[in-house]
Amino acid sequence: MARRVSRLRRQTTAAHAPQRRNPSGLPCIHRITDVYNAVSISHLLPIGGEDRATYIGPPRLVRAEGSEPFDSPAAGQPIVEHPDTGEVVWRDDIGVTCRRWNWQQCNRTRITTETSSALFSLDALDPLTDQAVHAAADALTEATRRPSMPSRHTSA
């Protein structure tokens, strides 16, 4: 039991991860990720964004068998983990793309500056209403359609 609690502590929801990484404000990653992180925080709704071109087969929300690979960004180093048997995950034909509904995304399907087609998942449970989820989806759609602003990023 202690092992499971320890593992859960290091995994942060998609809605809380940006705040944990930078308590003074949202981190600047790149435009699309910045947009969906901002909408996620402002609507208090976990939103995951994934690069559709990296998917093999359709995205599916399923209960894990427990043997599926998940390439985790844990501790800043890529490692392969496996979900718990029965855990709710998003997956494609290769493996898990997001664990615990929309709790933690994998490296393989993450959005990058090269992404040209994205898939967004908005996960909501009570007490969030359908109206609130639609408002978040509308805000995300509107924000992604706006012309790009000059980048705040610098090259290394």
Protein backbone atom coordinates (compact mmCIF):
# COMPACT_ATOMS: atom_id res chain seq x y z
CA MET A 1 0.00 0.00 0.00
CA ALA A 2 2.81 2.45 0.82
CA ARG A 3 4.32 1.87 -2.62
CA ARG A 4 1.06 2.81 -4.32
CA VAL A 5 0.67 5.99 -2.23
CA SER A 6 4.25 6.96 -3.05
CA ARG A 7 3.62 6.48 -6.76
CA LEU A 8 0.43 8.53 -6.67
CA ARG A 9 2.17 11.43 -4.91
CA ARG A 10 4.64 11.99 -7.73
CA GLN A 11 1.95 11.99 -10.40
CA THR A 12 0.13 15.27 -10.81
CA THR A 13 -3.12 15.83 -12.67
CA ALA A 14 -3.00 17.58 -16.00
CA ALA A 15 -4.82 20.51 -14.38
CA HIS A 16 -2.37 20.83 -11.48
CA ALA A 17 0.97 19.97 -13.08
CA PRO A 18 1.63 23.47 -14.50
CA GLN A 19 0.98 25.09 -11.13
CA ARG A 20 3.22 22.61 -9.33
CA ARG A 21 6.07 23.23 -11.75
CA ASN A 22 5.80 27.01 -11.45
CA PRO A 23 3.74 28.28 -8.48
CA SER A 24 4.24 31.90 -9.58
CA GLY A 25 2.41 31.29 -12.86
CA LEU A 26 2.00 28.97 -15.78
CA PRO A 27 5.22 27.83 -17.41
CA CYS A 28 5.80 28.82 -21.01
CA ILE A 29 6.24 25.63 -23.04
CA HIS A 30 4.95 26.48 -26.53
CA ARG A 31 1.80 28.08 -27.87
CA ILE A 32 -0.63 25.13 -28.05
CA THR A 33 0.43 23.62 -24.72
CA ASP A 34 0.34 27.08 -23.11
CA VAL A 35 -3.20 27.61 -24.45
CA TYR A 36 -4.64 24.33 -23.21
CA ASN A 37 -2.87 24.64 -19.83
CA ALA A 38 -4.36 28.13 -19.39
CA VAL A 39 -7.87 26.91 -20.29
CA SER A 40 -7.43 23.91 -17.99
CA ILE A 41 -6.45 26.11 -15.05
CA SER A 42 -9.06 28.80 -15.68
CA HIS A 43 -11.87 26.21 -15.90
CA LEU A 44 -10.46 23.86 -13.21
CA LEU A 45 -10.79 21.00 -15.64
CA PRO A 46 -8.10 18.48 -16.59
CA ILE A 47 -7.36 18.87 -20.30
CA GLY A 48 -4.94 16.69 -22.16
CA GLY A 49 -3.47 17.56 -25.52
CA GLU A 50 -1.91 14.99 -27.81
CA ASP A 51 -0.32 14.95 -31.25
CA ARG A 52 -2.70 13.01 -33.51
CA ALA A 53 0.07 12.12 -35.96
CA THR A 54 1.82 10.06 -33.27
CA TYR A 55 -1.24 7.91 -32.61
CA ILE A 56 -1.30 4.41 -34.06
CA GLY A 57 -4.96 3.52 -34.41
CA PRO A 58 -7.83 5.32 -32.73
CA PRO A 59 -7.70 6.75 -29.20
CA ARG A 60 -9.71 4.64 -26.76
CA LEU A 61 -10.74 5.10 -23.13
CA VAL A 62 -10.44 1.64 -21.55
CA ARG A 63 -9.62 -0.23 -18.37
CA ALA A 64 -6.00 -1.36 -18.50
CA GLU A 65 -4.94 -4.98 -18.51
CA GLY A 66 -1.79 -3.91 -16.64
CA SER A 67 0.81 -4.96 -19.20
CA GLU A 68 0.46 -2.00 -21.59
CA PRO A 69 3.56 0.20 -21.92
CA PHE A 70 3.41 3.83 -20.76
CA ASP A 71 6.46 5.98 -21.48
CA SER A 72 6.48 8.21 -18.45
CA PRO A 73 8.20 11.55 -18.02
CA ALA A 74 8.79 10.62 -14.36
CA ALA A 75 11.62 12.46 -12.59
CA GLY A 76 12.65 14.15 -15.83
CA GLN A 77 13.92 10.90 -17.34
CA PRO A 78 11.92 8.75 -19.78
CA ILE A 79 11.02 5.38 -18.29
CA VAL A 80 8.48 2.72 -19.23
CA GLU A 81 5.84 2.01 -16.62
CA HIS A 82 2.69 -0.07 -16.71
CA PRO A 83 -0.75 0.95 -15.46
CA ASP A 84 -2.48 -0.90 -12.66
CA THR A 85 -4.87 -3.63 -13.76
CA GLY A 86 -8.31 -2.04 -14.14
CA GLU A 87 -6.96 1.52 -14.20
CA VAL A 88 -8.84 3.84 -16.56
CA VAL A 89 -6.46 4.90 -19.35
CA TRP A 90 -6.43 6.47 -22.78
CA ARG A 91 -4.58 4.27 -25.26
CA ASP A 92 -3.92 3.53 -28.90
CA ASP A 93 -2.72 0.35 -30.64
CA ILE A 94 0.82 0.74 -29.22
CA GLY A 95 0.11 1.46 -25.58
CA VAL A 96 -1.14 3.87 -22.96
CA THR A 97 -1.13 7.54 -23.94
CA CYS A 98 -2.59 8.96 -20.72
CA ARG A 99 -3.05 7.37 -17.30
CA ARG A 100 -5.88 7.63 -14.77
CA TRP A 101 -8.34 9.22 -17.16
CA ASN A 102 -6.42 12.40 -17.94
CA TRP A 103 -4.00 12.35 -15.03
CA GLN A 104 -0.60 11.98 -16.66
CA GLN A 105 0.31 12.04 -20.36
CA CYS A 106 3.04 10.01 -22.02
CA ASN A 107 6.03 11.38 -23.90
CA ARG A 108 5.26 9.68 -27.22
CA THR A 109 2.04 11.58 -28.04
CA ARG A 110 2.79 14.92 -26.42
CA ILE A 111 2.27 18.09 -28.41
CA THR A 112 5.45 19.72 -29.69
CA THR A 113 6.27 22.70 -31.88
CA GLU A 114 6.11 20.26 -34.83
CA THR A 115 2.50 19.23 -34.10
CA SER A 116 0.07 20.12 -36.88
CA SER A 117 -3.01 18.20 -35.71
CA ALA A 118 -3.96 17.82 -32.07
CA LEU A 119 -6.44 15.83 -30.05
CA PHE A 120 -7.76 17.29 -26.79
CA SER A 121 -9.53 15.36 -24.07
CA LEU A 122 -11.51 17.15 -21.37
CA ASP A 123 -12.29 14.89 -18.41
CA ALA A 124 -15.04 15.95 -16.05
CA LEU A 125 -16.95 14.30 -13.25
CA ASP A 126 -19.53 15.67 -10.85
CA PRO A 127 -19.93 18.37 -9.67
CA LEU A 128 -18.76 19.87 -12.98
CA THR A 129 -21.76 20.37 -15.24
CA ASP A 130 -22.02 19.66 -18.96
CA GLN A 131 -22.44 23.41 -19.43
CA ALA A 132 -19.10 24.05 -17.70
CA VAL A 133 -17.35 21.43 -19.87
CA HIS A 134 -18.83 22.97 -23.03
CA ALA A 135 -17.68 26.42 -21.87
CA ALA A 136 -14.13 25.08 -21.45
CA ALA A 137 -14.27 23.39 -24.88
CA ASP A 138 -15.50 26.63 -26.46
CA ALA A 139 -12.72 28.61 -24.75
CA LEU A 140 -10.13 26.09 -25.97
CA THR A 141 -11.50 26.20 -29.53
CA GLU A 142 -11.51 30.00 -29.56
CA ALA A 143 -8.00 30.26 -28.11
CA THR A 144 -6.48 27.77 -30.57
CA ARG A 145 -8.03 29.61 -33.53
CA ARG A 146 -6.47 32.94 -32.60
CA PRO A 147 -3.46 33.97 -34.66
CA SER A 148 -0.17 33.09 -33.02
CA MET A 149 1.50 35.71 -30.93
CA PRO A 150 5.28 36.23 -31.18
CA SER A 151 7.06 33.53 -29.23
CA ARG A 152 8.26 34.24 -25.71
CA HIS A 153 10.68 31.32 -25.97
CA THR A 154 14.37 31.58 -26.52
CA SER A 155 16.58 29.05 -28.21
CA ALA A 156 19.23 27.30 -26.21
